[in-house]
Amino acid sequence: MSATSREDPVFAAVDLGATSGRVITGRVGPGELVLTEAHRFANVPVRLPDGLRWDVLALYQGMLDGLRAAARSGPVASVGIDTWAVDYGLLDADGALLGMPFHYRDDRNGPAAAKVLAGVGARELYEVTGLQHLPFNTVFQLAAHRSTAQWGAARTLLLMPDLLVYWLTGTVGAEVTNASTTGLFDTRAGRWSDALIGGLGLERTLFPPLREPGSRAGTLLAQAADFTGLAPDTPVTTVASHDTASAVAAVPAREPGFAYVSCGTWSLAGLELDAPVLTEESRAANFTNERGVDGTVRYLRNIMGMWLLEECRRTWARGGHSPGLGALLADAARARPFAAVVDPDDPVFLAPGDMPSRIDSVLARTGQAVPDGPGGYVRCVLESLALAHRRTLRRAAALAGRELTHVHLVGGGSRNELLCRWTADATGLPVTAGPAEATALGNVLLQARAHGLVGDLGGLRRLVASTQELRHYAPRGDLSAWDRAAERLEAARG
């Protein structure tokens, strides 16, 4: 990667994930793209008496600290914010936040989802939204929230990135890639579904106007400019604020027929399409149709990704045994292949807690022996994820009528050589791994495009492919071994 000029514009990407946040600066020049981490901070949820909440004030402060660090790298041309999806804050008539936002892993969501589906059938919901059924979708969270005193005072709903944009600029809006994950968005029409919102007894005025990636949300409020040292007229650019949408925008694809896996805490595996797939077969297979950049559709499934490995490591660390990731992966490479496999999407794995014990319970239920030591658990998790990638991508291709030629694995999981290699082996397709910082790259490049420095989506991707470090994995070995493991897992899934 060549170095950019100090005269190239600096774009600040605020990238918030489920466990940490970062502010990344990006310099974009002709044929050049360089990222630098300005600041990193923890994202630690808080369990209050009424449920699991995000510490959004700490996130906001971490963002401001990061923007102050970014300002020291040179004049910042723009700021963009991306986060995870579905979670939100409620504002009262004065624009004040009504309590800390709930965490999507809070256990209030299951009963609320059942109540919504009793009133609006799952098929009818899918025909409008095209959204994968997940118990924490915003539509279900709102059903749980309506029984609280806060609800009566609520006047505006802002998804997490839109809430942070509001605090920076004082402007209210809903970025479309994140809005499409709520279960209240009409995927054909590309707008809020008034019929669903009204049918569920929600106030239409709660939902702000939609914004497209690349539009200007506003400029910094005086107090934000004063604290960060950024110029008061610094624009905040609407990026693809759902982190997966930004990551998919930065997939370095040069060929048609590609599939992607955006792998971090979650694995988001799927295809980029021109139109949603809203068939009954698609609904039954639990695929989602979420908005991407330039009106594209991210046709994918959420798979519980590196969360399983992260929770295993946290459990071992609490027990006083905390081997480094490198040692764990080396042990996993030596462990017996396919000794145990699980479905990563088993609901038992959703909540935080003792993940090795939960894996044991699933293996006992499916008649498999528990792994031998931490390396065995890691091999179980990574082989199971590779099988989930295979199953999901093959099903997506069949439902969309596509033929797959290549898999792009981006995000933090692209650094995991075993996962990348086993995804290639399991799918029988070549895998290109990287960039690891796909979300931040997408965020920066969409800001740069709004400033006229990058062309269309294809040009954006070519710039990523030509400037970022990528690794390539050809499928190898005996595909029938993966076939047998997949058959065993399907039999266990019933």
Protein backbone atom coordinates (compact mmCIF):
# COMPACT_ATOMS: atom_id res chain seq x y z
CA MET A 1 0.00 0.00 0.00
CA SER A 2 1.53 3.32 -1.01
CA ALA A 3 1.44 6.31 1.29
CA THR A 4 -0.93 9.14 0.53
CA SER A 5 -0.01 12.79 0.49
CA ARG A 6 -0.47 14.97 3.54
CA GLU A 7 -2.60 17.16 1.26
CA ASP A 8 -5.13 14.39 0.66
CA PRO A 9 -8.42 14.97 2.54
CA VAL A 10 -8.84 13.26 5.90
CA PHE A 11 -12.13 11.51 6.62
CA ALA A 12 -13.03 10.39 10.14
CA ALA A 13 -14.92 7.10 10.38
CA VAL A 14 -16.66 6.35 13.66
CA ASP A 15 -17.12 2.57 13.70
CA LEU A 16 -18.95 1.10 16.68
CA GLY A 17 -19.18 -2.65 17.14
CA ALA A 18 -20.80 -4.81 19.77
CA THR A 19 -17.67 -4.98 21.95
CA SER A 20 -15.58 -1.95 21.00
CA GLY A 21 -15.59 1.33 19.15
CA ARG A 22 -12.95 3.01 17.06
CA VAL A 23 -12.39 6.27 15.29
CA ILE A 24 -10.40 5.67 12.11
CA THR A 25 -8.96 8.35 9.86
CA GLY A 26 -8.74 7.68 6.17
CA ARG A 27 -6.79 9.50 3.49
CA VAL A 28 -8.01 9.00 -0.07
CA GLY A 29 -6.02 10.02 -3.12
CA PRO A 30 -5.68 8.88 -6.74
CA GLY A 31 -5.09 5.13 -6.50
CA GLU A 32 -4.36 5.45 -2.79
CA LEU A 33 -6.27 4.60 0.39
CA VAL A 34 -4.71 4.57 3.86
CA LEU A 35 -6.41 4.04 7.23
CA THR A 36 -5.01 5.00 10.62
CA GLU A 37 -6.59 4.16 13.95
CA ALA A 38 -6.93 7.39 15.95
CA HIS A 39 -8.65 6.01 19.04
CA ARG A 40 -10.16 2.80 20.35
CA PHE A 41 -12.48 2.34 23.32
CA ALA A 42 -14.51 -0.42 24.94
CA ASN A 43 -18.23 -0.96 24.43
CA VAL A 44 -19.40 -2.57 27.67
CA PRO A 45 -23.15 -3.05 28.16
CA VAL A 46 -24.66 -2.51 31.60
CA ARG A 47 -27.16 -4.83 33.24
CA LEU A 48 -29.70 -2.69 35.08
CA PRO A 49 -32.62 -3.99 37.15
CA ASP A 50 -34.93 -3.66 34.13
CA GLY A 51 -32.63 -5.27 31.58
CA LEU A 52 -29.43 -5.18 29.58
CA ARG A 53 -28.62 -1.69 28.27
CA TRP A 54 -26.02 -0.01 26.08
CA ASP A 55 -23.89 2.61 27.82
CA VAL A 56 -24.52 5.08 25.02
CA LEU A 57 -23.10 8.02 26.98
CA ALA A 58 -19.74 6.26 27.25
CA LEU A 59 -19.92 5.51 23.52
CA TYR A 60 -20.61 9.16 22.74
CA GLN A 61 -17.71 10.28 24.93
CA GLY A 62 -15.42 7.72 23.31
CA MET A 63 -16.48 9.03 19.91
CA LEU A 64 -15.72 12.63 20.91
CA ASP A 65 -12.33 11.60 22.29
CA GLY A 66 -11.63 9.83 19.02
CA LEU A 67 -12.64 12.80 16.91
CA ARG A 68 -10.34 15.00 19.00
CA ALA A 69 -7.51 12.57 18.25
CA ALA A 70 -8.49 12.59 14.57
CA ALA A 71 -8.33 16.38 14.47
CA ARG A 72 -4.63 16.18 15.34
CA SER A 73 -3.93 14.32 12.08
CA GLY A 74 -4.90 17.29 9.94
CA PRO A 75 -8.00 19.12 8.76
CA VAL A 76 -10.90 16.65 8.77
CA ALA A 77 -13.09 16.96 5.68
CA SER A 78 -16.01 14.94 7.02
CA VAL A 79 -17.24 12.60 9.76
CA GLY A 80 -19.29 9.41 9.18
CA ILE A 81 -20.82 7.04 11.74
CA ASP A 82 -21.70 3.35 11.46
CA THR A 83 -22.86 0.92 14.16
CA TRP A 84 -24.69 -2.37 14.51
CA ALA A 85 -28.38 -2.54 13.58
CA VAL A 86 -31.82 -2.79 15.24
CA ASP A 87 -31.18 -0.98 18.55
CA TYR A 88 -32.52 2.52 19.14
CA GLY A 89 -33.09 5.41 21.53
CA LEU A 90 -36.33 7.28 22.20
CA LEU A 91 -36.40 11.07 22.45
CA ASP A 92 -39.03 13.13 24.27
CA ALA A 93 -40.65 16.34 22.99
CA ASP A 94 -37.57 18.33 24.08
CA GLY A 95 -35.21 16.02 22.20
CA ALA A 96 -33.85 14.43 25.38
CA LEU A 97 -33.01 10.72 25.46
CA LEU A 98 -35.48 8.64 27.47
CA GLY A 99 -33.23 6.18 29.29
CA MET A 100 -30.33 4.07 28.11
CA PRO A 101 -31.08 2.08 24.92
CA PHE A 102 -31.84 -1.60 25.37
CA HIS A 103 -29.31 -4.19 24.17
CA TYR A 104 -30.56 -6.55 21.47
CA ARG A 105 -29.46 -9.53 23.60
CA ASP A 106 -31.87 -8.55 26.40
CA ASP A 107 -34.32 -11.36 27.17
CA ARG A 108 -37.43 -9.19 26.86
CA ASN A 109 -37.60 -9.71 23.11
CA GLY A 110 -38.81 -13.32 22.77
CA PRO A 111 -42.28 -12.86 24.32
CA ALA A 112 -42.74 -9.57 22.46
CA ALA A 113 -41.94 -11.23 19.12
CA ALA A 114 -44.61 -13.86 19.74
CA LYS A 115 -47.16 -11.13 20.49
CA VAL A 116 -46.39 -9.25 17.27
CA LEU A 117 -46.59 -12.36 15.13
CA ALA A 118 -49.92 -13.26 16.67
CA GLY A 119 -51.30 -9.99 15.30
CA VAL A 120 -49.38 -9.79 12.01
CA GLY A 121 -48.57 -13.15 10.49
CA ALA A 122 -44.97 -14.01 9.74
CA ARG A 123 -45.76 -14.43 6.05
CA GLU A 124 -47.48 -11.03 5.82
CA LEU A 125 -44.60 -9.37 7.65
CA TYR A 126 -42.05 -10.91 5.30
CA GLU A 127 -43.97 -9.92 2.17
CA VAL A 128 -43.56 -6.27 3.15
CA THR A 129 -40.18 -6.17 4.89
CA GLY A 130 -38.33 -9.19 3.47
CA LEU A 131 -36.60 -9.38 6.83
CA GLN A 132 -35.11 -12.44 8.47
CA HIS A 133 -36.95 -13.37 11.65
CA LEU A 134 -34.73 -12.55 14.60
CA PRO A 135 -36.32 -12.06 18.03
CA PHE A 136 -34.44 -8.79 18.52
CA ASN A 137 -35.61 -7.04 15.35
CA THR A 138 -36.65 -3.47 16.17
CA VAL A 139 -40.33 -4.19 15.54
CA PHE A 140 -40.30 -6.76 18.35
CA GLN A 141 -38.28 -4.58 20.70
CA LEU A 142 -40.85 -1.81 20.28
CA ALA A 143 -43.64 -4.18 21.25
CA ALA A 144 -41.79 -4.84 24.52
CA HIS A 145 -41.12 -1.14 25.07
CA ARG A 146 -44.74 -0.03 24.70
CA SER A 147 -45.65 -1.21 28.20
CA THR A 148 -43.24 1.28 29.84
CA ALA A 149 -43.79 4.83 31.06
CA GLN A 150 -41.04 5.99 28.70
CA TRP A 151 -43.17 5.05 25.73
CA GLY A 152 -45.85 7.57 26.58
CA ALA A 153 -43.29 10.38 26.52
CA ALA A 154 -41.56 9.25 23.29
CA ARG A 155 -41.81 11.52 20.27
CA THR A 156 -38.90 10.37 18.07
CA LEU A 157 -37.17 7.04 17.49
CA LEU A 158 -33.54 7.12 16.41
CA LEU A 159 -31.47 4.05 15.58
CA MET A 160 -28.07 4.02 17.26
CA PRO A 161 -26.01 5.72 14.51
CA ASP A 162 -28.76 8.27 13.92
CA LEU A 163 -28.82 9.07 17.65
CA LEU A 164 -25.10 9.83 17.60
CA VAL A 165 -25.49 11.93 14.45
CA TYR A 166 -28.27 13.85 16.23
CA TRP A 167 -26.02 14.59 19.20
CA LEU A 168 -23.28 15.81 16.86
CA THR A 169 -25.46 17.92 14.55
CA GLY A 170 -28.89 18.47 16.10
CA THR A 171 -30.52 17.04 12.94
CA VAL A 172 -32.94 14.12 12.88
CA GLY A 173 -33.05 11.40 10.23
CA ALA A 174 -33.00 7.66 9.60
CA GLU A 175 -30.28 6.25 7.33
CA VAL A 176 -31.85 3.77 4.94
CA THR A 177 -29.52 0.74 5.26
CA ASN A 178 -30.15 0.65 9.01
CA ALA A 179 -33.84 1.50 8.71
CA SER A 180 -34.23 -1.58 6.51
CA THR A 181 -33.30 -3.82 9.47
CA THR A 182 -36.18 -2.65 11.69
CA GLY A 183 -39.02 -4.81 10.37
CA LEU A 184 -40.98 -1.61 9.65
CA PHE A 185 -39.48 -0.79 6.25
CA ASP A 186 -41.14 -1.60 2.91
CA THR A 187 -38.36 -3.30 1.01
CA ARG A 188 -40.01 -2.93 -2.42
CA ALA A 189 -40.91 0.73 -2.06
CA GLY A 190 -37.75 1.72 -0.16
CA ARG A 191 -39.59 3.66 2.54
CA TRP A 192 -41.20 3.24 5.95
CA SER A 193 -44.25 0.99 5.79
CA ASP A 194 -47.14 3.17 6.93
CA ALA A 195 -49.43 0.14 6.79
CA LEU A 196 -47.27 -1.90 9.18
CA ILE A 197 -46.59 1.01 11.50
CA GLY A 198 -50.29 1.84 11.73
CA GLY A 199 -51.36 -1.79 11.93
CA LEU A 200 -49.12 -2.33 14.94
CA GLY A 201 -50.54 0.73 16.68
CA LEU A 202 -47.32 2.77 16.43
CA GLU A 203 -47.28 6.50 15.82
CA ARG A 204 -45.98 7.32 12.35
CA THR A 205 -44.46 10.54 13.72
CA LEU A 206 -41.96 8.47 15.72
CA PHE A 207 -40.10 7.58 12.53
CA PRO A 208 -37.95 10.36 11.03
CA PRO A 209 -37.31 11.09 7.34
CA LEU A 210 -35.04 8.65 5.54
CA ARG A 211 -31.52 9.53 4.42
CA GLU A 212 -29.48 7.88 1.69
CA PRO A 213 -25.76 7.11 2.02
CA GLY A 214 -23.78 10.05 0.69
CA SER A 215 -26.17 12.77 1.82
CA ARG A 216 -25.13 15.48 4.27
CA ALA A 217 -26.72 15.07 7.70
CA GLY A 218 -25.53 18.46 8.99
CA THR A 219 -22.51 20.16 10.49
CA LEU A 220 -21.06 19.95 13.98
CA LEU A 221 -22.82 21.69 16.82
CA ALA A 222 -20.71 24.28 18.63
CA GLN A 223 -20.06 22.15 21.72
CA ALA A 224 -18.93 19.17 19.60
CA ALA A 225 -16.61 21.38 17.57
CA ASP A 226 -15.19 23.01 20.70
CA PHE A 227 -14.48 19.70 22.43
CA THR A 228 -12.99 17.90 19.43
CA GLY A 229 -11.07 20.79 17.91
CA LEU A 230 -12.74 20.17 14.55
CA ALA A 231 -13.87 23.13 12.48
CA PRO A 232 -17.45 24.21 13.28
CA ASP A 233 -18.48 23.78 9.63
CA THR A 234 -17.19 20.16 9.47
CA PRO A 235 -19.92 18.15 7.73
CA VAL A 236 -21.29 14.90 9.10
CA THR A 237 -21.88 12.71 6.06
CA THR A 238 -24.49 9.98 6.04
CA VAL A 239 -22.65 6.74 5.25
CA ALA A 240 -24.08 3.23 5.09
CA SER A 241 -24.65 3.38 8.83
CA HIS A 242 -25.36 -0.32 9.24
CA ASP A 243 -21.83 -1.63 9.66
CA THR A 244 -22.48 -4.61 7.40
CA ALA A 245 -23.69 -2.33 4.60
CA SER A 246 -20.44 -0.35 4.82
CA ALA A 247 -18.45 -3.60 4.87
CA VAL A 248 -20.22 -4.98 1.80
CA ALA A 249 -19.59 -1.71 -0.04
CA ALA A 250 -15.86 -2.34 0.52
CA VAL A 251 -15.87 -5.97 -0.70
CA PRO A 252 -12.99 -5.97 -3.24
CA ALA A 253 -14.94 -7.86 -5.90
CA ARG A 254 -13.77 -7.61 -9.49
CA GLU A 255 -16.02 -10.35 -10.86
CA PRO A 256 -19.73 -11.12 -11.05
CA GLY A 257 -21.17 -14.07 -9.15
CA PHE A 258 -19.42 -13.30 -5.89
CA ALA A 259 -20.71 -14.10 -2.43
CA TYR A 260 -19.59 -12.40 0.75
CA VAL A 261 -19.17 -13.24 4.39
CA SER A 262 -18.75 -10.23 6.68
CA CYS A 263 -17.34 -11.98 9.69
CA GLY A 264 -16.98 -10.54 13.17
CA THR A 265 -19.14 -11.10 16.23
CA TRP A 266 -21.74 -12.12 13.64
CA SER A 267 -21.17 -13.72 10.25
CA LEU A 268 -23.36 -12.06 7.63
CA ALA A 269 -23.29 -14.36 4.63
CA GLY A 270 -25.02 -13.71 1.36
CA LEU A 271 -25.22 -12.06 -2.04
CA GLU A 272 -25.64 -8.59 -3.50
CA LEU A 273 -28.78 -8.37 -5.63
CA ASP A 274 -30.68 -5.76 -7.63
CA ALA A 275 -34.07 -6.69 -6.16
CA PRO A 276 -35.38 -8.48 -3.06
CA VAL A 277 -36.29 -12.16 -2.97
CA LEU A 278 -39.67 -12.37 -1.23
CA THR A 279 -40.78 -15.92 -1.98
CA GLU A 280 -42.25 -18.22 0.62
CA GLU A 281 -39.17 -20.43 0.22
CA SER A 282 -36.96 -17.47 1.10
CA ARG A 283 -39.03 -16.69 4.19
CA ALA A 284 -38.98 -20.33 5.31
CA ALA A 285 -35.19 -20.36 4.89
CA ASN A 286 -35.05 -17.18 7.03
CA PHE A 287 -33.13 -14.99 4.60
CA THR A 288 -33.18 -11.23 4.88
CA ASN A 289 -33.40 -8.49 2.26
CA GLU A 290 -31.64 -5.42 3.62
CA ARG A 291 -30.70 -2.25 1.77
CA GLY A 292 -27.20 -1.73 0.50
CA VAL A 293 -25.49 1.17 -1.24
CA ASP A 294 -27.02 2.54 -4.45
CA GLY A 295 -30.31 0.71 -4.03
CA THR A 296 -28.73 -2.74 -3.92
CA VAL A 297 -30.14 -5.50 -1.75
CA ARG A 298 -28.04 -7.40 0.76
CA TYR A 299 -29.62 -10.85 0.54
CA LEU A 300 -28.16 -12.71 3.50
CA ARG A 301 -28.57 -14.56 6.74
CA ASN A 302 -27.21 -13.64 10.13
CA ILE A 303 -25.08 -16.41 11.59
CA MET A 304 -23.73 -16.24 15.11
CA GLY A 305 -20.11 -15.79 14.19
CA MET A 306 -16.94 -15.28 16.21
CA TRP A 307 -19.21 -14.57 19.20
CA LEU A 308 -18.96 -18.26 20.11
CA LEU A 309 -15.15 -18.14 20.18
CA GLU A 310 -15.11 -14.76 21.98
CA GLU A 311 -17.44 -16.07 24.70
CA CYS A 312 -15.38 -19.26 25.09
CA ARG A 313 -12.25 -17.16 25.63
CA ARG A 314 -14.02 -14.92 28.15
CA THR A 315 -15.20 -17.99 30.06
CA TRP A 316 -11.71 -19.48 30.16
CA ALA A 317 -10.24 -16.15 31.25
CA ARG A 318 -12.72 -15.90 34.14
CA GLY A 319 -11.56 -19.36 35.20
CA GLY A 320 -7.93 -18.24 35.25
CA HIS A 321 -6.99 -19.95 31.98
CA SER A 322 -6.45 -17.41 29.20
CA PRO A 323 -4.28 -18.81 26.39
CA GLY A 324 -3.57 -16.40 23.54
CA LEU A 325 -5.51 -16.69 20.32
CA GLY A 326 -2.43 -17.86 18.43
CA ALA A 327 -1.90 -20.78 20.81
CA LEU A 328 -5.60 -21.69 20.64
CA LEU A 329 -5.56 -21.72 16.85
CA ALA A 330 -2.41 -23.83 16.78
CA ASP A 331 -4.08 -26.35 19.11
CA ALA A 332 -7.23 -26.26 16.95
CA ALA A 333 -5.21 -27.04 13.83
CA ARG A 334 -3.85 -30.16 15.54
CA ALA A 335 -7.21 -31.30 16.96
CA ARG A 336 -9.14 -34.14 15.35
CA PRO A 337 -11.17 -32.98 12.35
CA PHE A 338 -14.97 -33.03 12.68
CA ALA A 339 -14.87 -34.52 16.17
CA ALA A 340 -17.85 -32.31 17.05
CA VAL A 341 -19.96 -29.86 15.09
CA VAL A 342 -22.85 -27.64 16.18
CA ASP A 343 -25.31 -25.25 14.60
CA PRO A 344 -24.00 -21.76 15.49
CA ASP A 345 -27.56 -20.42 15.28
CA ASP A 346 -28.87 -22.61 18.07
CA PRO A 347 -30.71 -20.13 20.37
CA VAL A 348 -28.80 -21.47 23.37
CA PHE A 349 -25.73 -19.57 22.10
CA LEU A 350 -27.37 -16.12 21.87
CA ALA A 351 -26.99 -14.74 25.40
CA PRO A 352 -23.66 -13.97 27.09
CA GLY A 353 -22.37 -16.66 29.43
CA ASP A 354 -20.47 -19.93 29.77
CA MET A 355 -20.15 -20.87 26.10
CA PRO A 356 -18.12 -24.10 26.54
CA SER A 357 -20.82 -25.48 28.82
CA ARG A 358 -23.49 -24.52 26.30
CA ILE A 359 -21.57 -26.27 23.54
CA ASP A 360 -21.37 -29.32 25.82
CA SER A 361 -25.14 -29.28 26.29
CA VAL A 362 -25.77 -29.16 22.55
CA LEU A 363 -23.28 -31.96 21.92
CA ALA A 364 -24.93 -34.09 24.60
CA ARG A 365 -28.34 -33.45 23.02
CA THR A 366 -27.02 -34.50 19.60
CA GLY A 367 -25.09 -37.55 20.81
CA GLN A 368 -21.57 -36.20 20.31
CA ALA A 369 -18.58 -36.29 22.62
CA VAL A 370 -17.36 -33.07 24.18
CA PRO A 371 -14.09 -31.64 22.80
CA ASP A 372 -10.77 -32.48 24.38
CA GLY A 373 -9.45 -29.19 25.74
CA PRO A 374 -9.70 -25.59 24.47
CA GLY A 375 -8.19 -26.42 21.08
CA GLY A 376 -10.95 -28.92 20.49
CA TYR A 377 -13.61 -26.33 21.30
CA VAL A 378 -12.01 -23.84 18.93
CA ARG A 379 -11.90 -26.42 16.15
CA CYS A 380 -15.56 -27.26 16.82
CA VAL A 381 -16.51 -23.57 16.57
CA LEU A 382 -14.51 -22.82 13.41
CA GLU A 383 -15.53 -25.97 11.53
CA SER A 384 -19.14 -25.31 12.52
CA LEU A 385 -18.89 -21.74 11.21
CA ALA A 386 -17.36 -22.95 7.92
CA LEU A 387 -20.27 -25.39 7.56
CA ALA A 388 -22.73 -22.59 8.31
CA HIS A 389 -21.09 -20.39 5.65
CA ARG A 390 -21.37 -23.26 3.16
CA ARG A 391 -25.01 -24.01 3.97
CA THR A 392 -26.05 -20.34 3.89
CA LEU A 393 -24.28 -19.37 0.67
CA ARG A 394 -25.48 -22.42 -1.23
CA ARG A 395 -29.05 -21.82 -0.10
CA ALA A 396 -28.87 -18.11 -0.97
CA ALA A 397 -27.62 -18.92 -4.46
CA ALA A 398 -30.40 -21.46 -5.02
CA LEU A 399 -33.14 -19.10 -3.78
CA ALA A 400 -31.85 -16.17 -5.85
CA GLY A 401 -31.14 -18.24 -8.95
CA ARG A 402 -27.45 -17.38 -8.93
CA GLU A 403 -24.31 -19.38 -9.61
CA LEU A 404 -21.46 -18.68 -7.21
CA THR A 405 -17.89 -18.41 -8.40
CA HIS A 406 -16.04 -16.79 -5.50
CA VAL A 407 -16.36 -15.96 -1.80
CA HIS A 408 -15.07 -12.73 -0.26
CA LEU A 409 -14.56 -12.99 3.49
CA VAL A 410 -14.12 -9.55 5.05
CA GLY A 411 -14.01 -8.16 8.58
CA GLY A 412 -12.08 -9.30 11.63
CA GLY A 413 -12.67 -12.97 10.83
CA SER A 414 -10.59 -12.58 7.67
CA ARG A 415 -7.49 -12.57 9.90
CA ASN A 416 -8.33 -16.09 11.08
CA GLU A 417 -6.47 -18.30 8.63
CA LEU A 418 -8.17 -21.50 9.77
CA LEU A 419 -11.64 -20.06 9.28
CA CYS A 420 -10.77 -18.73 5.83
CA ARG A 421 -9.12 -21.96 4.73
CA TRP A 422 -11.93 -24.13 6.06
CA THR A 423 -14.56 -21.89 4.44
CA ALA A 424 -12.83 -22.46 1.09
CA ASP A 425 -12.61 -26.21 1.74
CA ALA A 426 -16.23 -26.47 2.90
CA THR A 427 -17.74 -24.44 0.05
CA GLY A 428 -15.47 -25.79 -2.66
CA LEU A 429 -14.96 -22.19 -3.82
CA PRO A 430 -11.93 -19.89 -3.81
CA VAL A 431 -11.95 -17.46 -0.90
CA THR A 432 -10.39 -14.00 -0.89
CA ALA A 433 -9.77 -12.89 2.69
CA GLY A 434 -9.72 -9.20 3.52
CA PRO A 435 -9.82 -6.41 4.08
CA ALA A 436 -10.14 -6.86 7.82
CA GLU A 437 -11.17 -3.20 8.15
CA ALA A 438 -13.90 -3.43 5.52
CA THR A 439 -16.47 -1.50 7.56
CA ALA A 440 -14.16 1.45 8.21
CA LEU A 441 -13.05 1.41 4.57
CA GLY A 442 -16.65 1.50 3.37
CA ASN A 443 -17.40 4.34 5.77
CA VAL A 444 -14.40 6.39 4.59
CA LEU A 445 -14.98 5.70 0.91
CA LEU A 446 -18.63 6.70 1.01
CA GLN A 447 -17.57 9.98 2.58
CA ALA A 448 -14.90 10.38 -0.10
CA ARG A 449 -17.45 9.65 -2.81
CA ALA A 450 -19.76 12.34 -1.40
CA HIS A 451 -16.80 14.72 -1.82
CA GLY A 452 -16.26 13.68 -5.43
CA LEU A 453 -13.08 11.67 -4.89
CA VAL A 454 -14.40 8.20 -5.76
CA GLY A 455 -16.69 7.10 -8.58
CA ASP A 456 -19.35 4.43 -8.67
CA LEU A 457 -19.56 1.33 -6.47
CA GLY A 458 -17.41 -0.64 -8.91
CA GLY A 459 -14.72 2.02 -8.82
CA LEU A 460 -14.83 2.10 -5.04
CA ARG A 461 -14.29 -1.66 -4.93
CA ARG A 462 -11.45 -1.55 -7.43
CA LEU A 463 -9.69 0.98 -5.24
CA VAL A 464 -10.02 -1.37 -2.26
CA ALA A 465 -8.75 -4.33 -4.31
CA SER A 466 -5.71 -2.41 -5.57
CA THR A 467 -4.65 -0.87 -2.24
CA GLN A 468 -5.48 -3.33 0.53
CA GLU A 469 -3.70 -6.50 1.61
CA LEU A 470 -5.68 -9.57 0.54
CA ARG A 471 -5.04 -13.30 0.94
CA HIS A 472 -6.32 -16.02 -1.35
CA TYR A 473 -7.34 -19.58 -0.46
CA ALA A 474 -8.09 -22.26 -3.01
CA PRO A 475 -10.27 -25.17 -1.92
CA ARG A 476 -8.24 -28.26 -1.17
CA GLY A 477 -8.60 -31.72 0.23
CA ASP A 478 -11.59 -34.02 0.20
CA LEU A 479 -14.90 -32.20 -0.15
CA SER A 480 -16.71 -35.42 0.79
CA ALA A 481 -15.43 -35.11 4.37
CA TRP A 482 -17.26 -31.77 4.61
CA ASP A 483 -20.29 -33.36 2.97
CA ARG A 484 -20.39 -36.04 5.64
CA ALA A 485 -20.00 -33.47 8.42
CA ALA A 486 -22.82 -31.40 6.91
CA GLU A 487 -25.07 -34.46 6.70
CA ARG A 488 -24.32 -35.31 10.31
CA LEU A 489 -25.14 -31.79 11.39
CA GLU A 490 -28.38 -31.73 9.39
CA ALA A 491 -29.44 -34.99 11.00
CA ALA A 492 -28.73 -33.52 14.43
CA ARG A 493 -30.67 -30.35 13.53
CA GLY A 494 -33.67 -32.55 12.77
